């Protein structure tokens, strides 16, 4: 990958970090050649801090690293686009991006998928998600079936609140099942898009 570090007088190029899963823009930092090399070698996004005057790996203090999935240069070779998996909140405010004070965004389902991915690694005693994954694929699939039946039952009545709550339960456990099978909503959307174009 060719980057023109000499284009700017300080030898730094902008590096835009995007969530690999949700496609949200997470943050903007600056890299010099050494920061890029360390990022490539470590697999964790590393910037050059203009205030600290040194290399700085995102998450070195908080543990909220950005695991690199891909990197690309723009057409002028003077800006980087890095797609990464965030291991926790990205902004120092505790928000998931530097452009949001909330820990959710306009596409809540993609955000929820990321929360499931993170909580899957938690202790089963601390997280319902981790507890479900500890029980295995059969239990998760069974739970999806149970929630589907409950949704059908509520659909026959006129209580919108109960119906919507059962719909939410089904959708949540469906996301667990997709993750357990190594897939996500995008995998399903890809299938639907292919069908749509036939």
N, C-alpha and C. Protein backbone atom coordinates (compact mmCIF):
# COMPACT_ATOMS: atom_id res chain seq x y z
N UNK A 1 0.85 -1.19 0.00
CA UNK A 1 0.00 0.00 0.00
C UNK A 1 0.89 1.24 0.00
N UNK A 2 0.69 2.10 -0.97
CA UNK A 2 1.51 3.29 -1.13
C UNK A 2 0.84 4.49 -0.47
N UNK A 3 1.56 5.13 0.46
CA UNK A 3 1.06 6.32 1.14
C UNK A 3 2.06 7.46 0.95
N UNK A 4 1.56 8.62 0.57
CA UNK A 4 2.41 9.78 0.34
C UNK A 4 2.53 10.60 1.63
N UNK A 5 3.44 10.18 2.53
CA UNK A 5 3.63 10.88 3.79
C UNK A 5 4.28 12.25 3.59
N UNK A 6 4.93 12.45 2.46
CA UNK A 6 5.62 13.72 2.21
C UNK A 6 4.67 14.82 1.74
N UNK A 7 3.44 14.48 1.49
CA UNK A 7 2.50 15.48 0.96
C UNK A 7 2.24 16.59 1.97
N UNK A 8 2.22 16.24 3.27
CA UNK A 8 1.99 17.22 4.32
C UNK A 8 3.30 17.53 5.03
N UNK A 9 3.48 18.76 5.43
CA UNK A 9 4.75 19.21 5.99
C UNK A 9 5.13 18.47 7.28
N UNK A 10 4.13 18.02 8.04
CA UNK A 10 4.44 17.32 9.29
C UNK A 10 4.61 15.82 9.11
N UNK A 11 4.45 15.33 7.87
CA UNK A 11 4.64 13.91 7.60
C UNK A 11 3.52 13.03 8.10
N UNK A 12 2.39 13.63 8.45
CA UNK A 12 1.25 12.88 8.97
C UNK A 12 0.12 12.84 7.95
N UNK A 13 -0.57 11.71 7.88
CA UNK A 13 -1.74 11.59 7.01
C UNK A 13 -2.96 11.26 7.86
N UNK A 14 -4.14 11.74 7.48
CA UNK A 14 -5.36 11.40 8.22
C UNK A 14 -5.67 9.90 8.08
N UNK A 15 -6.14 9.32 9.17
CA UNK A 15 -6.55 7.92 9.18
C UNK A 15 -7.96 7.83 9.75
N UNK A 16 -8.90 7.52 8.88
CA UNK A 16 -10.31 7.39 9.28
C UNK A 16 -10.55 5.94 9.69
N UNK A 17 -11.13 5.75 10.88
CA UNK A 17 -11.41 4.39 11.36
C UNK A 17 -12.90 4.14 11.29
N UNK A 18 -13.25 3.04 10.63
CA UNK A 18 -14.65 2.66 10.42
C UNK A 18 -14.89 1.30 11.06
N UNK A 19 -16.05 1.13 11.67
CA UNK A 19 -16.41 -0.16 12.25
C UNK A 19 -16.59 -1.19 11.14
N UNK A 20 -15.86 -2.29 11.21
CA UNK A 20 -15.89 -3.32 10.17
C UNK A 20 -17.28 -3.93 10.03
N UNK A 21 -18.00 -4.04 11.14
CA UNK A 21 -19.32 -4.69 11.12
C UNK A 21 -20.45 -3.73 10.80
N UNK A 22 -20.48 -2.60 11.51
CA UNK A 22 -21.62 -1.68 11.38
C UNK A 22 -21.40 -0.60 10.33
N UNK A 23 -20.14 -0.42 9.90
CA UNK A 23 -19.75 0.61 8.91
C UNK A 23 -19.84 2.03 9.47
N UNK A 24 -20.03 2.17 10.77
CA UNK A 24 -20.03 3.50 11.38
C UNK A 24 -18.62 4.06 11.36
N UNK A 25 -18.51 5.38 11.15
CA UNK A 25 -17.22 6.04 11.29
C UNK A 25 -16.97 6.23 12.78
N UNK A 26 -15.86 5.69 13.28
CA UNK A 26 -15.59 5.68 14.71
C UNK A 26 -14.77 6.88 15.17
N UNK A 27 -13.70 7.16 14.44
CA UNK A 27 -12.82 8.25 14.86
C UNK A 27 -11.87 8.63 13.74
N UNK A 28 -11.17 9.73 13.94
CA UNK A 28 -10.14 10.20 13.02
C UNK A 28 -8.86 10.41 13.81
N UNK A 29 -7.76 9.90 13.28
CA UNK A 29 -6.45 10.12 13.89
C UNK A 29 -5.45 10.42 12.79
N UNK A 30 -4.18 10.54 13.18
CA UNK A 30 -3.13 10.82 12.21
C UNK A 30 -2.02 9.79 12.35
N UNK A 31 -1.47 9.41 11.21
CA UNK A 31 -0.39 8.42 11.20
C UNK A 31 0.82 8.95 10.47
N UNK A 32 2.00 8.61 11.01
CA UNK A 32 3.22 8.78 10.23
C UNK A 32 3.62 7.38 9.76
N UNK A 33 4.76 7.28 9.13
CA UNK A 33 5.16 5.99 8.58
C UNK A 33 5.36 4.95 9.67
N UNK A 34 5.91 5.38 10.81
CA UNK A 34 6.14 4.44 11.92
C UNK A 34 4.83 3.94 12.51
N UNK A 35 3.83 4.82 12.60
CA UNK A 35 2.52 4.42 13.14
C UNK A 35 1.87 3.40 12.22
N UNK A 36 1.99 3.62 10.92
CA UNK A 36 1.42 2.66 9.97
C UNK A 36 2.10 1.31 10.08
N UNK A 37 3.42 1.33 10.19
CA UNK A 37 4.17 0.06 10.31
C UNK A 37 3.77 -0.69 11.58
N UNK A 38 3.64 0.03 12.69
CA UNK A 38 3.26 -0.63 13.95
C UNK A 38 1.84 -1.17 13.86
N UNK A 39 0.95 -0.43 13.21
CA UNK A 39 -0.43 -0.89 13.02
C UNK A 39 -0.44 -2.19 12.22
N UNK A 40 0.34 -2.24 11.15
CA UNK A 40 0.39 -3.44 10.31
C UNK A 40 0.99 -4.62 11.07
N UNK A 41 2.00 -4.37 11.90
CA UNK A 41 2.68 -5.45 12.62
C UNK A 41 1.87 -5.96 13.81
N UNK A 42 1.22 -5.05 14.53
CA UNK A 42 0.51 -5.44 15.76
C UNK A 42 -0.94 -5.85 15.52
N UNK A 43 -1.52 -5.35 14.41
CA UNK A 43 -2.94 -5.62 14.17
C UNK A 43 -3.85 -4.72 14.98
N UNK A 44 -3.27 -3.76 15.69
CA UNK A 44 -4.04 -2.79 16.48
C UNK A 44 -3.75 -1.39 15.94
N UNK A 45 -4.80 -0.58 15.81
CA UNK A 45 -4.65 0.75 15.24
C UNK A 45 -3.74 1.60 16.13
N UNK A 46 -2.69 2.13 15.53
CA UNK A 46 -1.74 2.99 16.23
C UNK A 46 -1.62 4.31 15.47
N UNK A 47 -1.71 5.39 16.20
CA UNK A 47 -1.60 6.73 15.63
C UNK A 47 -0.31 7.40 16.08
N UNK A 48 -0.05 8.55 15.48
CA UNK A 48 0.97 9.44 16.02
C UNK A 48 0.23 10.56 16.75
N UNK A 49 0.48 10.69 18.05
CA UNK A 49 -0.18 11.72 18.85
C UNK A 49 0.55 13.04 18.68
N UNK A 50 -0.16 14.03 18.18
CA UNK A 50 0.45 15.35 17.99
C UNK A 50 0.64 16.07 19.31
N UNK A 51 -0.13 15.71 20.33
CA UNK A 51 0.03 16.36 21.64
C UNK A 51 1.12 15.67 22.46
N UNK A 52 1.17 14.32 22.41
CA UNK A 52 2.17 13.58 23.18
C UNK A 52 3.49 13.44 22.44
N UNK A 53 3.47 13.75 21.13
CA UNK A 53 4.68 13.67 20.29
C UNK A 53 5.28 12.27 20.29
N UNK A 54 4.40 11.28 20.19
CA UNK A 54 4.87 9.89 20.16
C UNK A 54 3.80 9.00 19.54
N UNK A 55 4.19 7.75 19.25
CA UNK A 55 3.20 6.78 18.78
C UNK A 55 2.24 6.46 19.91
N UNK A 56 0.99 6.24 19.53
CA UNK A 56 -0.06 6.00 20.52
C UNK A 56 -1.02 4.96 19.96
N UNK A 57 -1.09 3.81 20.63
CA UNK A 57 -2.01 2.75 20.22
C UNK A 57 -3.35 2.99 20.89
N UNK A 58 -4.39 3.11 20.09
CA UNK A 58 -5.72 3.32 20.64
C UNK A 58 -6.07 2.16 21.57
N UNK A 59 -6.40 2.49 22.82
CA UNK A 59 -6.74 1.45 23.79
C UNK A 59 -5.60 1.06 24.70
N UNK A 60 -4.43 1.70 24.56
CA UNK A 60 -3.28 1.29 25.37
C UNK A 60 -3.52 1.52 26.86
N UNK A 61 -4.40 2.45 27.20
CA UNK A 61 -4.72 2.67 28.61
C UNK A 61 -6.06 2.06 28.99
N UNK A 62 -7.06 2.18 28.12
CA UNK A 62 -8.42 1.71 28.43
C UNK A 62 -8.63 0.23 28.14
N UNK A 63 -7.81 -0.32 27.25
CA UNK A 63 -8.04 -1.70 26.79
C UNK A 63 -9.02 -1.78 25.64
N UNK A 64 -9.55 -0.63 25.23
CA UNK A 64 -10.51 -0.60 24.12
C UNK A 64 -9.76 -0.48 22.78
N UNK A 65 -9.05 -1.54 22.43
CA UNK A 65 -8.26 -1.54 21.22
C UNK A 65 -9.15 -1.56 19.98
N UNK A 66 -8.56 -1.18 18.86
CA UNK A 66 -9.22 -1.28 17.56
C UNK A 66 -8.47 -2.34 16.76
N UNK A 67 -9.08 -3.52 16.61
CA UNK A 67 -8.44 -4.62 15.88
C UNK A 67 -8.63 -4.42 14.38
N UNK A 68 -7.52 -4.32 13.67
CA UNK A 68 -7.55 -4.01 12.24
C UNK A 68 -8.08 -5.20 11.43
N UNK A 69 -9.03 -4.90 10.54
CA UNK A 69 -9.55 -5.90 9.62
C UNK A 69 -9.09 -5.63 8.19
N UNK A 70 -9.00 -4.36 7.82
CA UNK A 70 -8.49 -4.01 6.49
C UNK A 70 -8.04 -2.57 6.49
N UNK A 71 -7.14 -2.24 5.55
CA UNK A 71 -6.68 -0.87 5.38
C UNK A 71 -6.60 -0.57 3.90
N UNK A 72 -6.94 0.67 3.54
CA UNK A 72 -6.88 1.09 2.14
C UNK A 72 -6.51 2.56 2.06
N UNK A 73 -5.81 2.91 1.00
CA UNK A 73 -5.48 4.32 0.74
C UNK A 73 -6.50 4.89 -0.24
N UNK A 74 -6.70 6.22 -0.15
CA UNK A 74 -7.61 6.85 -1.10
C UNK A 74 -6.90 7.05 -2.45
N UNK A 75 -7.61 7.65 -3.40
CA UNK A 75 -7.09 7.78 -4.76
C UNK A 75 -5.84 8.66 -4.85
N UNK A 76 -5.66 9.58 -3.88
CA UNK A 76 -4.49 10.46 -3.88
C UNK A 76 -3.35 9.91 -3.01
N UNK A 77 -3.58 8.78 -2.40
CA UNK A 77 -2.58 8.13 -1.54
C UNK A 77 -2.15 9.01 -0.37
N UNK A 78 -3.09 9.84 0.14
CA UNK A 78 -2.74 10.71 1.26
C UNK A 78 -3.73 10.63 2.42
N UNK A 79 -4.61 9.65 2.38
CA UNK A 79 -5.56 9.41 3.47
C UNK A 79 -5.81 7.91 3.59
N UNK A 80 -5.89 7.42 4.82
CA UNK A 80 -6.13 6.00 5.06
C UNK A 80 -7.56 5.75 5.53
N UNK A 81 -8.13 4.65 5.09
CA UNK A 81 -9.39 4.16 5.62
C UNK A 81 -9.10 2.82 6.27
N UNK A 82 -9.34 2.77 7.58
CA UNK A 82 -9.07 1.54 8.33
C UNK A 82 -10.39 0.98 8.83
N UNK A 83 -10.66 -0.27 8.51
CA UNK A 83 -11.84 -0.95 9.03
C UNK A 83 -11.38 -1.84 10.18
N UNK A 84 -12.06 -1.70 11.33
CA UNK A 84 -11.59 -2.38 12.53
C UNK A 84 -12.75 -2.85 13.40
N UNK A 85 -12.45 -3.79 14.29
CA UNK A 85 -13.39 -4.23 15.32
C UNK A 85 -13.03 -3.49 16.60
N UNK A 86 -13.93 -2.65 17.13
CA UNK A 86 -13.65 -1.97 18.39
C UNK A 86 -13.89 -2.91 19.57
N UNK A 87 -12.94 -2.93 20.50
CA UNK A 87 -13.10 -3.77 21.69
C UNK A 87 -13.61 -2.93 22.86
N UNK A 88 -14.69 -2.20 22.61
CA UNK A 88 -15.27 -1.34 23.62
C UNK A 88 -15.54 0.04 23.06
N UNK A 89 -16.00 0.96 23.90
CA UNK A 89 -16.27 2.32 23.43
C UNK A 89 -15.03 2.95 22.82
N UNK A 90 -15.22 3.77 21.80
CA UNK A 90 -14.09 4.38 21.10
C UNK A 90 -13.79 5.77 21.63
N UNK A 91 -14.82 6.55 21.90
CA UNK A 91 -14.63 7.94 22.33
C UNK A 91 -14.27 8.01 23.81
N UNK A 92 -13.49 9.02 24.18
CA UNK A 92 -13.12 9.21 25.59
C UNK A 92 -14.33 9.54 26.46
N UNK A 93 -15.46 9.92 25.82
CA UNK A 93 -16.68 10.21 26.57
C UNK A 93 -17.42 8.93 26.97
N UNK A 94 -16.99 7.80 26.41
CA UNK A 94 -17.68 6.54 26.65
C UNK A 94 -18.65 6.17 25.55
N UNK A 95 -18.79 7.04 24.55
CA UNK A 95 -19.67 6.76 23.42
C UNK A 95 -18.98 5.82 22.44
N UNK A 96 -19.78 5.20 21.58
CA UNK A 96 -19.21 4.23 20.65
C UNK A 96 -18.48 4.89 19.49
N UNK A 97 -18.73 6.15 19.21
CA UNK A 97 -17.99 6.88 18.19
C UNK A 97 -17.69 8.29 18.71
N UNK A 98 -16.78 8.97 18.04
CA UNK A 98 -16.45 10.35 18.43
C UNK A 98 -17.47 11.35 17.91
N UNK A 99 -18.52 10.86 17.24
CA UNK A 99 -19.58 11.74 16.73
C UNK A 99 -20.91 11.48 17.40
N UNK A 100 -20.88 10.77 18.52
CA UNK A 100 -22.14 10.43 19.17
C UNK A 100 -21.95 10.38 20.67
N UNK A 101 -22.89 10.94 21.40
CA UNK A 101 -22.87 10.86 22.86
C UNK A 101 -23.67 9.65 23.33
N UNK A 102 -24.29 8.94 22.39
CA UNK A 102 -25.08 7.76 22.76
C UNK A 102 -24.31 6.51 22.44
N UNK A 103 -24.66 5.42 23.07
CA UNK A 103 -24.07 4.13 22.75
C UNK A 103 -24.95 3.34 21.79
N UNK A 104 -25.68 4.05 20.96
CA UNK A 104 -26.49 3.44 19.91
C UNK A 104 -26.51 4.40 18.76
N UNK A 105 -26.90 3.92 17.60
CA UNK A 105 -26.95 4.81 16.45
C UNK A 105 -28.22 4.56 15.67
N UNK A 106 -28.26 5.13 14.48
CA UNK A 106 -29.48 5.02 13.67
C UNK A 106 -29.78 3.58 13.27
N UNK A 107 -28.78 2.75 13.14
CA UNK A 107 -29.02 1.35 12.80
C UNK A 107 -28.79 0.50 14.04
N UNK A 108 -29.78 0.45 14.89
CA UNK A 108 -29.64 -0.19 16.20
C UNK A 108 -29.37 -1.69 16.08
N UNK A 109 -29.89 -2.34 15.05
CA UNK A 109 -29.68 -3.78 14.92
C UNK A 109 -28.20 -4.11 14.72
N UNK A 110 -27.50 -3.30 13.92
CA UNK A 110 -26.07 -3.53 13.72
C UNK A 110 -25.31 -3.28 15.02
N UNK A 111 -25.74 -2.26 15.74
CA UNK A 111 -25.13 -1.98 17.05
C UNK A 111 -25.37 -3.15 18.00
N UNK A 112 -26.59 -3.69 17.99
CA UNK A 112 -26.93 -4.80 18.87
C UNK A 112 -26.09 -6.04 18.53
N UNK A 113 -25.85 -6.27 17.25
CA UNK A 113 -24.99 -7.38 16.85
C UNK A 113 -23.59 -7.24 17.46
N UNK A 114 -23.09 -6.02 17.47
CA UNK A 114 -21.76 -5.79 18.03
C UNK A 114 -21.76 -6.01 19.54
N UNK A 115 -22.82 -5.59 20.22
CA UNK A 115 -22.94 -5.83 21.66
C UNK A 115 -22.96 -7.34 21.95
N UNK A 116 -23.69 -8.09 21.14
CA UNK A 116 -23.74 -9.55 21.30
C UNK A 116 -22.35 -10.14 21.13
N UNK A 117 -21.62 -9.67 20.13
CA UNK A 117 -20.26 -10.17 19.88
C UNK A 117 -19.36 -9.92 21.09
N UNK A 118 -19.48 -8.75 21.69
CA UNK A 118 -18.64 -8.41 22.84
C UNK A 118 -19.06 -9.19 24.10
N UNK A 119 -20.37 -9.28 24.33
CA UNK A 119 -20.85 -9.95 25.55
C UNK A 119 -20.70 -11.46 25.49
N UNK A 120 -20.56 -12.00 24.31
CA UNK A 120 -20.32 -13.42 24.13
C UNK A 120 -19.05 -13.85 24.87
N UNK A 121 -18.13 -12.91 25.01
CA UNK A 121 -16.84 -13.19 25.65
C UNK A 121 -16.88 -12.99 27.17
N UNK A 122 -18.03 -12.56 27.69
CA UNK A 122 -18.15 -12.31 29.13
C UNK A 122 -18.36 -13.60 29.90
N UNK A 123 -18.43 -13.47 31.21
CA UNK A 123 -18.71 -14.62 32.07
C UNK A 123 -20.21 -14.93 32.01
N UNK A 124 -20.58 -16.22 31.92
CA UNK A 124 -22.01 -16.60 31.91
C UNK A 124 -22.76 -16.13 33.14
N UNK A 125 -22.03 -15.93 34.24
CA UNK A 125 -22.68 -15.44 35.47
C UNK A 125 -23.05 -13.96 35.36
N UNK A 126 -22.39 -13.24 34.45
CA UNK A 126 -22.58 -11.80 34.34
C UNK A 126 -23.44 -11.40 33.15
N UNK A 127 -23.59 -12.28 32.18
CA UNK A 127 -24.25 -11.90 30.93
C UNK A 127 -25.21 -12.98 30.45
N UNK A 128 -26.45 -12.58 30.15
CA UNK A 128 -27.42 -13.51 29.58
C UNK A 128 -26.92 -14.05 28.25
N UNK A 129 -26.32 -13.17 27.45
CA UNK A 129 -25.79 -13.59 26.14
C UNK A 129 -24.74 -14.68 26.32
N UNK A 130 -23.78 -14.45 27.21
CA UNK A 130 -22.73 -15.44 27.44
C UNK A 130 -23.32 -16.75 27.97
N UNK A 131 -24.34 -16.64 28.82
CA UNK A 131 -25.00 -17.84 29.36
C UNK A 131 -25.63 -18.67 28.25
N UNK A 132 -26.29 -17.99 27.31
CA UNK A 132 -26.91 -18.70 26.18
C UNK A 132 -25.86 -19.39 25.33
N UNK A 133 -24.76 -18.70 25.05
CA UNK A 133 -23.71 -19.31 24.23
C UNK A 133 -23.06 -20.48 24.96
N UNK A 134 -22.96 -20.39 26.28
CA UNK A 134 -22.38 -21.49 27.06
C UNK A 134 -23.24 -22.75 26.98
N UNK A 135 -24.55 -22.57 26.77
CA UNK A 135 -25.46 -23.72 26.68
C UNK A 135 -25.39 -24.41 25.33
N UNK A 136 -24.84 -23.72 24.33
CA UNK A 136 -24.64 -24.36 23.03
C UNK A 136 -25.70 -24.04 21.99
N UNK A 137 -25.39 -24.44 20.77
CA UNK A 137 -26.21 -24.11 19.60
C UNK A 137 -27.62 -24.69 19.70
N UNK A 138 -27.75 -25.90 20.24
CA UNK A 138 -29.07 -26.52 20.33
C UNK A 138 -30.01 -25.72 21.21
N UNK A 139 -29.49 -25.22 22.34
CA UNK A 139 -30.32 -24.45 23.26
C UNK A 139 -30.71 -23.11 22.63
N UNK A 140 -29.78 -22.49 21.91
CA UNK A 140 -30.09 -21.22 21.25
C UNK A 140 -31.16 -21.42 20.18
N UNK A 141 -31.01 -22.49 19.38
CA UNK A 141 -31.99 -22.78 18.34
C UNK A 141 -33.36 -23.08 18.94
N UNK A 142 -33.36 -23.84 20.04
CA UNK A 142 -34.61 -24.15 20.73
C UNK A 142 -35.30 -22.87 21.22
N UNK A 143 -34.50 -21.94 21.74
CA UNK A 143 -35.05 -20.69 22.26
C UNK A 143 -35.68 -19.87 21.14
N UNK A 144 -35.06 -19.88 19.95
CA UNK A 144 -35.64 -19.19 18.79
C UNK A 144 -37.00 -19.79 18.45
N UNK A 145 -37.07 -21.12 18.48
CA UNK A 145 -38.34 -21.78 18.20
C UNK A 145 -39.41 -21.42 19.22
N UNK A 146 -39.04 -21.41 20.49
CA UNK A 146 -39.99 -21.04 21.54
C UNK A 146 -40.51 -19.62 21.36
N UNK A 147 -39.60 -18.70 21.05
CA UNK A 147 -40.00 -17.30 20.87
C UNK A 147 -40.88 -17.14 19.63
N UNK A 148 -40.62 -17.93 18.59
CA UNK A 148 -41.44 -17.86 17.38
C UNK A 148 -42.88 -18.31 17.67
N UNK A 149 -43.01 -19.39 18.44
CA UNK A 149 -44.34 -19.88 18.81
C UNK A 149 -45.08 -18.84 19.65
N UNK A 150 -44.38 -18.23 20.60
CA UNK A 150 -45.01 -17.21 21.46
C UNK A 150 -45.45 -16.00 20.63
N UNK A 151 -44.68 -15.66 19.60
CA UNK A 151 -45.06 -14.55 18.73
C UNK A 151 -46.32 -14.88 17.94
N UNK A 152 -46.40 -16.11 17.45
CA UNK A 152 -47.58 -16.53 16.70
C UNK A 152 -48.82 -16.48 17.59
N UNK A 153 -48.68 -16.93 18.82
CA UNK A 153 -49.81 -16.91 19.76
C UNK A 153 -50.28 -15.48 20.01
N UNK A 154 -49.34 -14.56 20.23
CA UNK A 154 -49.70 -13.16 20.48
C UNK A 154 -50.28 -12.49 19.23
N UNK A 155 -49.90 -12.97 18.05
CA UNK A 155 -50.42 -12.39 16.81
C UNK A 155 -51.91 -12.63 16.67
N UNK A 156 -52.43 -13.66 17.32
CA UNK A 156 -53.86 -13.98 17.23
C UNK A 156 -54.72 -13.10 18.13
N UNK A 157 -54.04 -12.37 19.06
CA UNK A 157 -54.77 -11.49 19.97
C UNK A 157 -54.62 -10.03 19.54
N UNK A 158 -55.20 -9.14 20.30
CA UNK A 158 -55.19 -7.72 19.94
C UNK A 158 -54.35 -6.86 20.88
N UNK A 159 -53.40 -7.49 21.59
CA UNK A 159 -52.55 -6.73 22.51
C UNK A 159 -51.23 -6.39 21.80
N UNK A 160 -51.15 -5.16 21.30
CA UNK A 160 -49.96 -4.75 20.54
C UNK A 160 -48.69 -4.78 21.39
N UNK A 161 -48.81 -4.42 22.65
CA UNK A 161 -47.62 -4.39 23.52
C UNK A 161 -47.02 -5.78 23.68
N UNK A 162 -47.86 -6.76 23.96
CA UNK A 162 -47.38 -8.14 24.11
C UNK A 162 -46.83 -8.67 22.79
N UNK A 163 -47.51 -8.35 21.69
CA UNK A 163 -47.05 -8.80 20.38
C UNK A 163 -45.66 -8.24 20.06
N UNK A 164 -45.48 -6.94 20.29
CA UNK A 164 -44.19 -6.30 19.98
C UNK A 164 -43.09 -6.80 20.90
N UNK A 165 -43.41 -7.07 22.15
CA UNK A 165 -42.40 -7.62 23.05
C UNK A 165 -41.95 -9.01 22.63
N UNK A 166 -42.90 -9.83 22.19
CA UNK A 166 -42.54 -11.16 21.69
C UNK A 166 -41.74 -11.06 20.39
N UNK A 167 -42.09 -10.08 19.55
CA UNK A 167 -41.34 -9.87 18.30
C UNK A 167 -39.90 -9.48 18.62
N UNK A 168 -39.72 -8.63 19.64
CA UNK A 168 -38.38 -8.21 20.05
C UNK A 168 -37.59 -9.40 20.60
N UNK A 169 -38.25 -10.25 21.40
CA UNK A 169 -37.58 -11.44 21.94
C UNK A 169 -37.11 -12.36 20.82
N UNK A 170 -37.98 -12.55 19.83
CA UNK A 170 -37.62 -13.42 18.71
C UNK A 170 -36.44 -12.85 17.93
N UNK A 171 -36.50 -11.56 17.65
CA UNK A 171 -35.43 -10.94 16.87
C UNK A 171 -34.11 -11.00 17.61
N UNK A 172 -34.12 -10.76 18.90
CA UNK A 172 -32.89 -10.82 19.69
C UNK A 172 -32.28 -12.21 19.66
N UNK A 173 -33.11 -13.23 19.87
CA UNK A 173 -32.57 -14.59 19.90
C UNK A 173 -32.19 -15.07 18.50
N UNK A 174 -32.83 -14.52 17.48
CA UNK A 174 -32.43 -14.80 16.09
C UNK A 174 -31.02 -14.27 15.84
N UNK A 175 -30.71 -13.08 16.38
CA UNK A 175 -29.36 -12.53 16.25
C UNK A 175 -28.34 -13.40 16.97
N UNK A 176 -28.72 -13.95 18.12
CA UNK A 176 -27.83 -14.88 18.83
C UNK A 176 -27.55 -16.11 17.96
N UNK A 177 -28.59 -16.65 17.35
CA UNK A 177 -28.44 -17.84 16.51
C UNK A 177 -27.56 -17.57 15.30
N UNK A 178 -27.76 -16.42 14.66
CA UNK A 178 -26.91 -16.06 13.52
C UNK A 178 -25.44 -16.02 13.93
N UNK A 179 -25.17 -15.38 15.08
CA UNK A 179 -23.80 -15.28 15.57
C UNK A 179 -23.23 -16.67 15.88
N UNK A 180 -24.04 -17.51 16.51
CA UNK A 180 -23.60 -18.86 16.87
C UNK A 180 -23.23 -19.68 15.64
N UNK A 181 -23.88 -19.38 14.52
CA UNK A 181 -23.62 -20.10 13.26
C UNK A 181 -22.52 -19.42 12.43
N UNK A 182 -21.95 -18.32 12.99
CA UNK A 182 -20.87 -17.63 12.28
C UNK A 182 -21.36 -16.66 11.23
N UNK A 183 -22.60 -16.21 11.35
CA UNK A 183 -23.16 -15.28 10.38
C UNK A 183 -23.68 -14.02 11.08
N UNK A 184 -24.19 -13.09 10.30
CA UNK A 184 -24.79 -11.88 10.85
C UNK A 184 -25.92 -11.42 9.94
N UNK A 185 -26.52 -10.29 10.26
CA UNK A 185 -27.63 -9.79 9.44
C UNK A 185 -27.21 -9.51 8.02
N UNK A 186 -25.96 -9.04 7.84
CA UNK A 186 -25.50 -8.76 6.49
C UNK A 186 -25.49 -10.02 5.64
N UNK A 187 -25.17 -11.16 6.23
CA UNK A 187 -25.20 -12.44 5.51
C UNK A 187 -26.60 -12.72 4.97
N UNK A 188 -27.60 -12.46 5.80
CA UNK A 188 -28.99 -12.69 5.40
C UNK A 188 -29.42 -11.66 4.35
N UNK A 189 -29.00 -10.40 4.56
CA UNK A 189 -29.35 -9.37 3.58
C UNK A 189 -28.74 -9.65 2.22
N UNK A 190 -27.55 -10.24 2.20
CA UNK A 190 -26.92 -10.61 0.93
C UNK A 190 -27.78 -11.60 0.16
N UNK A 191 -28.33 -12.58 0.88
CA UNK A 191 -29.21 -13.58 0.26
C UNK A 191 -30.47 -12.90 -0.28
N UNK A 192 -31.06 -12.03 0.53
CA UNK A 192 -32.28 -11.35 0.11
C UNK A 192 -32.04 -10.45 -1.11
N UNK A 193 -30.88 -9.80 -1.15
CA UNK A 193 -30.55 -8.93 -2.28
C UNK A 193 -30.39 -9.75 -3.56
N UNK A 194 -29.76 -10.93 -3.45
CA UNK A 194 -29.59 -11.79 -4.61
C UNK A 194 -30.96 -12.24 -5.13
N UNK A 195 -31.86 -12.58 -4.21
CA UNK A 195 -33.22 -13.00 -4.62
C UNK A 195 -33.95 -11.85 -5.29
N UNK A 196 -33.76 -10.65 -4.75
CA UNK A 196 -34.45 -9.47 -5.27
C UNK A 196 -34.04 -9.17 -6.72
N UNK A 197 -32.78 -9.46 -7.04
CA UNK A 197 -32.28 -9.12 -8.38
C UNK A 197 -32.55 -10.19 -9.41
N UNK A 198 -33.12 -11.32 -8.97
CA UNK A 198 -33.43 -12.40 -9.92
C UNK A 198 -34.65 -12.04 -10.77
